[in-house]
Amino acid sequence: MAGHTILIVDDDPNISGLIGDRLELEGYRVLKAGTAREGLDMVRTGRPTAVLLDMMLPDGDGIEVLRTLRDGGNDIDVLMLTAHGTVEKAVEAIKLGAYDFILKPSSFEELSLRLRHALERQSLSRKNAILTEALSGDPIDPVAESPAMAGVLALARRVAETDATVLVLGESGVGKGVVARWLHQQSQRKTGPFVKVDCTILSEELLASDLFGHERGSFTGAHSRKVGRLEMADGGTVFLDEIGELPLALQPKLLRVIEEGAFERVGGTETLRTNARFIAATNRPLGEMVKNGTFRKDLYYRINVMAVDVPPLRERPEDIVPLAWRVLNGRRIGARREITAISKEGINALQAYSWPGNVRELQNVVERAMILTRENEITLESLPPEIQPPMDSEAVEKEDGSSSMEGSVREFKRRLVLEAIRASGGNKADAARRLGISRTYLFRLMEQLGGGSEGQGRE
């Protein structure tokens, strides 16, 4: 079950045992440490939600433990416990970022109340962070030099004028999230929040709480009411990323929200409403999932009112170089070097590659090249080996007297292309389909492999 983990750092086993037992009865998971070193180690390994930290420890004091946590960038909530409290120590602890300072002995009820306040503050901070991100997204300007991508944005712009539910389709890494956020920014809801839900990273229980919220006491560890993302998105857009991963048990609840705008928090009976527009995205074949029973048919039809299919990068080669420049211009500071150019050979290599990882792979390649290049431009040598073009087999034979693996691969590709063209009677479009590539990419291969003069025929 979902719940908070509390670390007690106190060298008195009677105190830590008594507090720990009471906290466990309230549904918390409890960790215990008797020294400063054990406490710091347990923060790293146990990942507690909050720490009850004694001021006096056998191998140091709590102030030093707190300072070590803050110096290491850990902003976990710390409540200081001491039987030797002074105003100076309290002020020092608060300045270092302690949430509270509790004198021993205090009643457990008081300690529990202060701990609950700390956890509620955490929950509110997370909510504010989500809303800040949702409301302050930078304007999206998708690259659309290719006719294929320009067509996608033209369709998305028309859909944006309505409140229709949209399903964004495409391979992993093509930029479905970019299209979804751009669609929101083109809509009448652009001043409202854009709230993203990643359906792949949460368990069914946590995803339900994240979407719908929960009431205090609805499950172990639910110490306060939580507002879900559906409530946060009121007046804006909910983006359900990778909806194909949504657990089957949650699908009818989501369907009801989309159709009626109504839902209940986990453990609640009050019906709440949200006026949110829904955009979903997936790289999975939902139609096939409907047939095998892993995705509800009614939900599929409801989210698929309008489908926007984002083509893979290999089918929009005109976008490759502009996208590379977009990454280059946005990462100059991070690379600590001003990269101002991409060599001609580098551009040719980027355009010739098939990009199975799509835009995400291109971003990674450009960032890697910016780190590796010693010049102020991205060169062929700074690109990964799989992107660099194979050496010409005849040139390699002249250089070292032997054929190379690259030359063999090149010849094998050439034969595949020629055989596909012959089998299709010279029809390039049919040959591309046989090879599983776009027609544009086939033409580039023919130019690179010297196959342009053979097997000429219909387009």
Protein backbone atom coordinates (compact mmCIF):
# COMPACT_ATOMS: atom_id res chain seq x y z
CA MET A 1 0.00 0.00 0.00
CA ALA A 2 1.08 3.58 -0.61
CA GLY A 3 2.39 5.35 2.50
CA HIS A 4 5.00 7.63 3.96
CA THR A 5 8.31 6.37 5.33
CA ILE A 6 9.58 8.04 8.50
CA LEU A 7 13.19 7.73 9.66
CA ILE A 8 13.84 8.07 13.41
CA VAL A 9 17.47 8.92 14.27
CA ASP A 10 17.86 8.59 18.06
CA ASP A 11 20.37 6.69 20.19
CA ASP A 12 17.75 5.92 22.86
CA PRO A 13 16.05 2.66 21.78
CA ASN A 14 13.18 3.22 24.22
CA ILE A 15 12.25 6.54 22.64
CA SER A 16 12.69 5.37 19.02
CA GLY A 17 10.82 2.16 19.80
CA LEU A 18 7.89 3.94 21.42
CA ILE A 19 7.57 6.57 18.69
CA GLY A 20 8.08 3.97 15.96
CA ASP A 21 5.36 1.68 17.29
CA ARG A 22 2.84 4.53 17.45
CA LEU A 23 3.71 5.72 13.95
CA GLU A 24 3.30 2.20 12.54
CA LEU A 25 -0.16 2.01 14.11
CA GLU A 26 -1.02 5.18 12.17
CA GLY A 27 0.03 3.48 8.92
CA TYR A 28 3.54 4.83 8.47
CA ARG A 29 6.52 2.72 7.46
CA VAL A 30 9.25 3.30 10.05
CA LEU A 31 13.06 3.13 9.78
CA LYS A 32 15.40 3.52 12.77
CA ALA A 33 19.03 4.57 13.20
CA GLY A 34 21.06 5.05 16.38
CA THR A 35 23.95 7.16 15.12
CA ALA A 36 24.58 10.07 12.77
CA ARG A 37 26.38 7.84 10.26
CA GLU A 38 23.59 5.25 10.26
CA GLY A 39 21.05 8.00 9.79
CA LEU A 40 22.82 9.50 6.76
CA ASP A 41 23.25 6.05 5.22
CA MET A 42 19.57 5.25 5.75
CA VAL A 43 18.48 8.53 4.14
CA ARG A 44 20.35 7.45 1.00
CA THR A 45 19.16 3.83 0.96
CA GLY A 46 15.71 3.98 2.57
CA ARG A 47 14.50 7.21 0.89
CA PRO A 48 12.28 8.33 3.81
CA THR A 49 9.60 10.97 3.43
CA ALA A 50 10.61 12.77 6.63
CA VAL A 51 13.18 12.45 9.42
CA LEU A 52 12.76 12.74 13.20
CA LEU A 53 16.31 13.68 14.19
CA ASP A 54 17.70 13.76 17.74
CA MET A 55 19.97 16.70 18.51
CA MET A 56 22.51 14.69 20.54
CA LEU A 57 23.97 11.53 18.96
CA PRO A 58 26.94 9.33 19.96
CA ASP A 59 29.05 10.32 16.93
CA GLY A 60 27.94 13.91 16.42
CA ASP A 61 25.01 16.26 16.80
CA GLY A 62 21.86 16.61 14.78
CA ILE A 63 22.81 20.06 13.50
CA GLU A 64 25.78 18.54 11.67
CA VAL A 65 23.59 15.78 10.22
CA LEU A 66 21.13 18.41 9.01
CA ARG A 67 23.94 20.51 7.53
CA THR A 68 25.32 17.43 5.70
CA LEU A 69 21.89 16.71 4.22
CA ARG A 70 21.43 20.28 3.01
CA ASP A 71 25.00 20.55 1.65
CA GLY A 72 24.31 17.38 -0.35
CA GLY A 73 21.20 18.91 -1.91
CA ASN A 74 18.71 16.77 0.06
CA ASP A 75 15.60 18.83 0.90
CA ILE A 76 13.82 16.15 2.93
CA ASP A 77 11.69 17.48 5.81
CA VAL A 78 13.57 17.20 9.13
CA LEU A 79 11.97 17.61 12.57
CA MET A 80 14.59 18.10 15.30
CA LEU A 81 14.09 16.33 18.65
CA THR A 82 15.99 17.33 21.78
CA ALA A 83 15.85 17.29 25.57
CA HIS A 84 18.40 20.11 25.67
CA GLY A 85 16.72 22.76 23.61
CA THR A 86 17.92 26.32 23.47
CA VAL A 87 16.75 29.29 21.44
CA GLU A 88 20.14 29.43 19.70
CA LYS A 89 19.99 25.80 18.62
CA ALA A 90 16.41 26.17 17.43
CA VAL A 91 17.29 29.23 15.35
CA GLU A 92 20.34 27.47 13.87
CA ALA A 93 18.29 24.41 12.94
CA ILE A 94 15.56 26.47 11.29
CA LYS A 95 18.13 28.51 9.34
CA LEU A 96 19.60 25.26 8.03
CA GLY A 97 16.19 24.22 6.77
CA ALA A 98 14.68 22.12 9.56
CA TYR A 99 10.89 22.05 9.30
CA ASP A 100 10.30 22.09 13.06
CA PHE A 101 12.00 21.85 16.47
CA ILE A 102 10.36 19.66 19.15
CA LEU A 103 11.39 19.47 22.79
CA LYS A 104 11.46 16.11 24.56
CA PRO A 105 9.41 14.91 26.24
CA SER A 106 6.45 15.97 24.12
CA SER A 107 3.17 14.14 23.78
CA PHE A 108 2.93 11.79 20.85
CA GLU A 109 -0.20 13.65 19.73
CA GLU A 110 1.79 16.86 19.36
CA LEU A 111 4.60 15.09 17.49
CA SER A 112 2.09 13.36 15.20
CA LEU A 113 0.33 16.65 14.47
CA ARG A 114 3.56 18.44 13.54
CA LEU A 115 4.66 15.52 11.38
CA ARG A 116 1.30 15.53 9.60
CA HIS A 117 1.64 19.26 8.95
CA ALA A 118 5.07 18.66 7.38
CA LEU A 119 3.69 15.96 5.10
CA GLU A 120 0.70 18.08 4.11
CA ARG A 121 3.10 20.90 3.21
CA GLN A 122 5.02 18.44 1.02
CA SER A 123 1.81 17.45 -0.74
CA LEU A 124 0.86 21.09 -1.30
CA SER A 125 4.35 21.84 -2.64
CA ARG A 126 4.06 18.99 -5.13
CA LYS A 127 0.65 20.22 -6.23
CA ASN A 128 1.98 23.76 -6.71
CA ALA A 129 4.93 22.40 -8.69
CA ILE A 130 2.57 20.50 -10.99
CA LEU A 131 0.38 23.57 -11.54
CA THR A 132 3.39 25.83 -12.08
CA GLU A 133 4.70 23.45 -14.73
CA ALA A 134 1.25 23.14 -16.29
CA LEU A 135 0.69 26.90 -16.53
CA SER A 136 4.19 28.11 -17.40
CA GLY A 137 5.13 25.92 -20.34
CA ASP A 138 7.21 27.69 -22.96
CA PRO A 139 5.50 28.35 -26.31
CA ILE A 140 5.87 25.36 -28.64
CA ASP A 141 7.11 25.92 -32.18
CA PRO A 142 7.31 22.48 -33.85
CA VAL A 143 9.68 21.98 -36.77
CA ALA A 144 7.60 21.35 -39.89
CA GLU A 145 9.76 21.88 -42.97
CA SER A 146 8.52 18.61 -44.45
CA PRO A 147 5.13 18.34 -46.18
CA ALA A 148 4.30 15.40 -43.91
CA MET A 149 4.78 17.36 -40.69
CA ALA A 150 3.18 20.49 -42.11
CA GLY A 151 0.10 18.38 -42.83
CA VAL A 152 0.07 17.09 -39.24
CA LEU A 153 0.10 20.63 -37.84
CA ALA A 154 -2.57 21.80 -40.27
CA LEU A 155 -4.86 19.00 -39.07
CA ALA A 156 -3.99 19.66 -35.42
CA ARG A 157 -4.76 23.37 -35.84
CA ARG A 158 -8.24 22.54 -37.14
CA VAL A 159 -8.84 20.09 -34.28
CA ALA A 160 -7.63 22.69 -31.76
CA GLU A 161 -10.59 24.91 -32.59
CA THR A 162 -12.91 22.29 -31.05
CA ASP A 163 -13.08 20.46 -27.72
CA ALA A 164 -12.96 17.06 -29.43
CA THR A 165 -10.92 14.33 -27.76
CA VAL A 166 -7.74 13.69 -29.76
CA LEU A 167 -5.59 10.56 -30.09
CA VAL A 168 -2.00 11.32 -31.12
CA LEU A 169 -0.37 8.28 -32.74
CA GLY A 170 3.22 7.58 -33.64
CA GLU A 171 6.37 5.65 -32.87
CA SER A 172 8.30 6.23 -29.69
CA GLY A 173 10.31 9.44 -29.85
CA VAL A 174 8.53 11.13 -32.78
CA GLY A 175 7.33 14.08 -30.68
CA LYS A 176 3.77 13.16 -29.73
CA GLY A 177 4.05 15.22 -26.55
CA VAL A 178 5.20 18.26 -28.53
CA VAL A 179 2.18 17.99 -30.83
CA ALA A 180 -0.16 17.59 -27.84
CA ARG A 181 1.18 20.69 -26.06
CA TRP A 182 1.15 22.68 -29.33
CA LEU A 183 -2.47 21.66 -29.91
CA HIS A 184 -3.35 22.92 -26.42
CA GLN A 185 -1.58 26.23 -27.07
CA GLN A 186 -3.56 26.70 -30.29
CA SER A 187 -6.88 26.07 -28.54
CA GLN A 188 -9.27 28.36 -26.66
CA ARG A 189 -7.99 26.65 -23.49
CA LYS A 190 -4.44 27.93 -23.94
CA THR A 191 -4.65 30.12 -20.82
CA GLY A 192 -5.65 27.10 -18.73
CA PRO A 193 -3.33 24.37 -17.39
CA PHE A 194 -1.79 21.62 -19.51
CA VAL A 195 -1.55 18.66 -17.14
CA LYS A 196 0.43 15.62 -18.24
CA VAL A 197 -0.21 12.13 -16.86
CA ASP A 198 2.41 9.48 -17.66
CA CYS A 199 0.50 6.19 -17.70
CA THR A 200 3.69 4.09 -17.79
CA ILE A 201 5.45 4.92 -14.53
CA LEU A 202 2.84 4.39 -11.82
CA SER A 203 1.15 1.34 -10.31
CA GLU A 204 -2.61 1.04 -10.64
CA GLU A 205 -3.15 2.33 -7.10
CA LEU A 206 -0.82 5.29 -7.44
CA LEU A 207 -2.15 6.17 -10.88
CA ALA A 208 -5.72 6.22 -9.53
CA SER A 209 -4.64 8.54 -6.73
CA ASP A 210 -2.67 10.71 -9.17
CA LEU A 211 -5.62 11.04 -11.56
CA PHE A 212 -8.61 11.25 -9.24
CA GLY A 213 -7.05 12.26 -5.91
CA HIS A 214 -7.88 10.54 -2.63
CA GLU A 215 -9.57 11.22 0.69
CA ARG A 216 -7.80 11.06 4.03
CA GLY A 217 -7.83 7.54 5.42
CA SER A 218 -8.83 5.93 2.11
CA PHE A 219 -5.81 3.62 2.32
CA THR A 220 -2.79 3.06 4.54
CA GLY A 221 -0.64 6.16 4.38
CA ALA A 222 -3.40 8.48 3.14
CA HIS A 223 -2.95 10.94 6.00
CA SER A 224 -4.54 13.87 4.22
CA ARG A 225 -6.78 14.65 1.28
CA LYS A 226 -4.99 14.79 -2.06
CA VAL A 227 -6.22 16.75 -5.08
CA GLY A 228 -5.84 14.76 -8.31
CA ARG A 229 -4.67 15.96 -11.68
CA LEU A 230 -8.18 15.92 -13.13
CA GLU A 231 -9.17 18.65 -10.66
CA MET A 232 -5.97 20.58 -11.42
CA ALA A 233 -6.74 20.50 -15.15
CA ASP A 234 -10.16 22.12 -14.85
CA GLY A 235 -10.53 24.62 -17.68
CA GLY A 236 -7.45 23.28 -19.45
CA THR A 237 -6.17 20.08 -21.03
CA VAL A 238 -5.30 16.63 -19.69
CA PHE A 239 -2.59 14.87 -21.69
CA LEU A 240 -2.68 11.09 -21.15
CA ASP A 241 0.75 10.01 -22.37
CA GLU A 242 1.02 6.36 -23.50
CA ILE A 243 -2.61 5.60 -22.73
CA GLY A 244 -2.10 2.06 -24.03
CA GLU A 245 -0.43 1.31 -20.68
CA LEU A 246 -3.47 2.38 -18.65
CA PRO A 247 -4.56 -0.50 -16.36
CA LEU A 248 -7.77 -2.17 -17.49
CA ALA A 249 -9.47 -1.56 -14.11
CA LEU A 250 -9.09 2.22 -14.46
CA GLN A 251 -10.36 2.43 -18.02
CA PRO A 252 -14.12 2.58 -17.24
CA LYS A 253 -13.50 5.31 -14.66
CA LEU A 254 -11.57 7.34 -17.20
CA LEU A 255 -14.30 6.77 -19.80
CA ARG A 256 -16.86 8.22 -17.39
CA VAL A 257 -14.74 11.34 -16.84
CA ILE A 258 -14.33 11.88 -20.57
CA GLU A 259 -18.04 11.41 -21.26
CA GLU A 260 -19.56 13.10 -18.21
CA GLY A 261 -16.75 15.10 -16.62
CA ALA A 262 -17.63 13.33 -13.35
CA PHE A 263 -15.50 11.31 -10.91
CA GLU A 264 -14.90 10.59 -7.22
CA ARG A 265 -11.67 10.70 -5.30
CA VAL A 266 -10.30 7.35 -4.16
CA GLY A 267 -12.18 6.53 -0.94
CA GLY A 268 -14.65 9.37 -1.47
CA THR A 269 -18.38 9.54 -2.16
CA GLU A 270 -18.71 13.15 -3.32
CA THR A 271 -19.06 13.44 -7.09
CA LEU A 272 -16.65 16.01 -8.49
CA ARG A 273 -16.59 17.53 -11.95
CA THR A 274 -13.90 18.79 -14.27
CA ASN A 275 -14.17 20.82 -17.45
CA ALA A 276 -11.03 19.51 -19.12
CA ARG A 277 -10.22 18.60 -22.68
CA PHE A 278 -8.52 15.22 -23.20
CA ILE A 279 -5.61 14.44 -25.49
CA ALA A 280 -4.18 10.92 -25.44
CA ALA A 281 -1.06 9.52 -27.08
CA THR A 282 0.25 6.03 -27.72
CA ASN A 283 2.78 4.08 -29.75
CA ARG A 284 0.82 0.85 -29.28
CA PRO A 285 -1.75 -0.68 -31.66
CA LEU A 286 -4.92 0.06 -29.69
CA GLY A 287 -7.10 -1.60 -32.33
CA GLU A 288 -5.28 -4.90 -31.80
CA MET A 289 -5.46 -4.43 -28.04
CA VAL A 290 -9.22 -4.05 -28.29
CA LYS A 291 -9.40 -7.36 -30.16
CA ASN A 292 -7.36 -9.23 -27.54
CA GLY A 293 -9.24 -7.67 -24.63
CA THR A 294 -6.46 -5.55 -23.11
CA PHE A 295 -8.11 -2.23 -24.00
CA ARG A 296 -11.80 -1.36 -23.77
CA LYS A 297 -13.59 -0.85 -27.06
CA ASP A 298 -15.81 1.95 -25.74
CA LEU A 299 -12.82 3.90 -24.39
CA TYR A 300 -10.96 3.39 -27.67
CA TYR A 301 -13.81 4.86 -29.69
CA ARG A 302 -14.22 7.72 -27.21
CA ILE A 303 -10.59 8.86 -27.33
CA ASN A 304 -10.29 8.26 -31.07
CA VAL A 305 -12.77 10.97 -32.10
CA MET A 306 -9.95 12.57 -34.07
CA ALA A 307 -6.61 10.86 -34.71
CA VAL A 308 -3.42 12.77 -35.47
CA ASP A 309 -0.67 10.48 -36.78
CA VAL A 310 2.85 11.86 -36.33
CA PRO A 311 5.15 10.34 -38.99
CA PRO A 312 8.55 8.90 -38.05
CA LEU A 313 11.59 11.05 -38.73
CA ARG A 314 12.75 8.82 -41.61
CA GLU A 315 9.59 9.82 -43.50
CA ARG A 316 10.22 13.55 -43.07
CA PRO A 317 13.90 13.99 -43.95
CA GLU A 318 13.43 17.73 -44.54
CA ASP A 319 13.03 18.13 -40.77
CA ILE A 320 16.30 16.43 -39.79
CA VAL A 321 18.71 19.36 -40.16
CA PRO A 322 16.30 22.01 -38.74
CA LEU A 323 15.73 19.75 -35.73
CA ALA A 324 19.48 19.33 -35.30
CA TRP A 325 19.90 23.11 -35.36
CA ARG A 326 17.09 23.47 -32.81
CA VAL A 327 18.94 21.17 -30.43
CA LEU A 328 22.26 22.88 -31.18
CA ASN A 329 20.91 26.35 -30.42
CA GLY A 330 19.21 25.19 -27.24
CA ARG A 331 22.22 23.39 -25.76
CA ARG A 332 25.13 25.79 -26.25
CA ILE A 333 25.37 26.81 -22.61
CA GLY A 334 25.15 23.24 -21.35
CA ALA A 335 28.01 22.17 -23.60
CA ARG A 336 30.16 25.10 -22.37
CA ARG A 337 31.26 25.72 -25.94
CA GLU A 338 29.70 27.75 -28.70
CA ILE A 339 29.04 25.37 -31.57
CA THR A 340 28.14 27.47 -34.61
CA ALA A 341 28.12 25.03 -37.52
CA ILE A 342 27.59 21.49 -38.76
CA SER A 343 30.03 20.34 -41.42
CA LYS A 344 28.75 19.36 -44.86
CA GLU A 345 29.80 15.76 -44.24
CA GLY A 346 28.00 15.82 -40.91
CA ILE A 347 24.81 17.12 -42.51
CA ASN A 348 24.98 14.45 -45.21
CA ALA A 349 25.40 11.73 -42.58
CA LEU A 350 22.46 13.02 -40.52
CA GLN A 351 20.24 13.10 -43.60
CA ALA A 352 21.27 9.63 -44.77
CA TYR A 353 20.61 7.88 -41.44
CA SER A 354 17.23 6.15 -40.91
CA TRP A 355 16.70 7.32 -37.28
CA PRO A 356 14.95 4.32 -35.70
CA GLY A 357 14.79 6.28 -32.42
CA ASN A 358 13.26 9.30 -34.18
CA VAL A 359 13.57 12.84 -32.82
CA ARG A 360 14.65 11.64 -29.38
CA GLU A 361 17.59 9.78 -30.93
CA LEU A 362 18.52 12.84 -33.01
CA GLN A 363 18.57 14.99 -29.88
CA ASN A 364 20.88 12.53 -28.13
CA VAL A 365 23.21 12.30 -31.13
CA VAL A 366 23.57 16.08 -31.47
CA GLU A 367 24.17 16.56 -27.75
CA ARG A 368 26.78 13.78 -27.79
CA ALA A 369 28.49 15.36 -30.80
CA MET A 370 28.61 18.73 -29.07
CA ILE A 371 30.51 17.14 -26.19
CA LEU A 372 32.94 15.17 -28.38
CA THR A 373 33.80 17.75 -31.05
CA ARG A 374 37.00 19.70 -30.52
CA GLU A 375 36.04 22.41 -32.97
CA ASN A 376 33.28 24.99 -33.12
CA GLU A 377 31.32 22.79 -35.51
CA ILE A 378 29.89 19.31 -35.44
CA THR A 379 32.02 17.16 -37.71
CA LEU A 380 31.54 13.70 -39.17
CA GLU A 381 34.07 12.28 -36.71
CA SER A 382 32.06 13.50 -33.70
CA LEU A 383 28.99 11.50 -34.77
CA PRO A 384 28.40 7.92 -33.56
CA PRO A 385 29.83 5.12 -35.76
CA GLU A 386 26.37 3.88 -36.78
CA ILE A 387 25.60 7.28 -38.31
CA GLN A 388 28.87 7.73 -40.14
CA PRO A 389 28.59 6.47 -43.76
CA PRO A 390 30.44 3.24 -44.56
CA MET A 391 33.75 3.64 -46.36
CA ASP A 392 33.68 2.87 -50.07
CA SER A 393 34.75 -0.75 -50.51
CA GLU A 394 37.01 -0.03 -53.51
CA ALA A 395 38.78 2.78 -51.66
CA VAL A 396 39.35 0.54 -48.67
CA GLU A 397 40.80 -2.20 -50.87
CA LYS A 398 43.26 0.27 -52.40
CA GLU A 399 44.22 1.51 -48.96
CA ASP A 400 44.94 -1.75 -47.15
CA GLY A 401 44.68 -4.42 -49.85
CA SER A 402 41.64 -6.06 -48.36
CA SER A 403 37.88 -5.64 -48.42
CA SER A 404 36.20 -4.20 -45.32
CA MET A 405 33.10 -5.09 -43.34
CA GLU A 406 31.67 -1.66 -44.23
CA GLY A 407 32.19 -2.39 -47.91
CA SER A 408 30.45 -5.74 -47.56
CA VAL A 409 27.49 -4.12 -45.81
CA ARG A 410 27.32 -1.47 -48.52
CA GLU A 411 27.26 -4.11 -51.26
CA PHE A 412 24.62 -6.11 -49.39
CA LYS A 413 22.38 -3.01 -49.12
CA ARG A 414 22.89 -2.32 -52.82
CA ARG A 415 21.80 -5.82 -53.78
CA LEU A 416 18.73 -5.63 -51.54
CA VAL A 417 17.66 -2.37 -53.16
CA LEU A 418 18.19 -3.65 -56.71
CA GLU A 419 16.36 -6.93 -56.02
CA ALA A 420 13.40 -5.05 -54.52
CA ILE A 421 13.22 -2.75 -57.57
CA ARG A 422 13.39 -5.69 -59.99
CA ALA A 423 10.75 -7.65 -58.01
CA SER A 424 8.41 -4.66 -58.13
CA GLY A 425 8.84 -4.23 -61.89
CA GLY A 426 10.65 -0.92 -61.44
CA ASN A 427 7.91 0.61 -59.25
CA LYS A 428 9.86 2.58 -56.62
CA ALA A 429 6.91 3.03 -54.27
CA ASP A 430 6.28 -0.72 -54.27
CA ALA A 431 10.01 -1.40 -53.79
CA ALA A 432 10.06 0.93 -50.77
CA ARG A 433 7.11 -0.93 -49.26
CA ARG A 434 8.88 -4.25 -49.78
CA LEU A 435 11.96 -2.90 -47.96
CA GLY A 436 9.91 -1.29 -45.18
CA ILE A 437 11.25 2.22 -45.87
CA SER A 438 9.88 5.44 -47.31
CA ARG A 439 10.23 6.25 -50.99
CA THR A 440 12.31 9.32 -50.15
CA TYR A 441 14.74 7.22 -48.15
CA LEU A 442 14.90 4.69 -51.02
CA PHE A 443 15.97 7.43 -53.46
CA ARG A 444 18.70 8.56 -51.05
CA LEU A 445 19.92 4.98 -50.70
CA MET A 446 20.05 4.60 -54.49
CA GLU A 447 22.19 7.72 -54.77
CA GLN A 448 24.54 6.62 -51.98
CA LEU A 449 24.88 3.04 -53.17
CA GLY A 450 25.24 3.79 -56.86
CA GLY A 451 21.94 2.12 -57.68
CA GLY A 452 20.35 5.15 -59.27
CA SER A 453 21.15 4.08 -62.82
CA GLU A 454 19.88 0.53 -62.52
CA GLY A 455 16.35 -0.71 -62.37
CA GLN A 456 14.88 2.61 -63.42
CA GLY A 457 11.16 2.50 -63.81
CA ARG A 458 7.93 3.89 -62.50
CA GLU A 459 7.83 6.18 -59.46
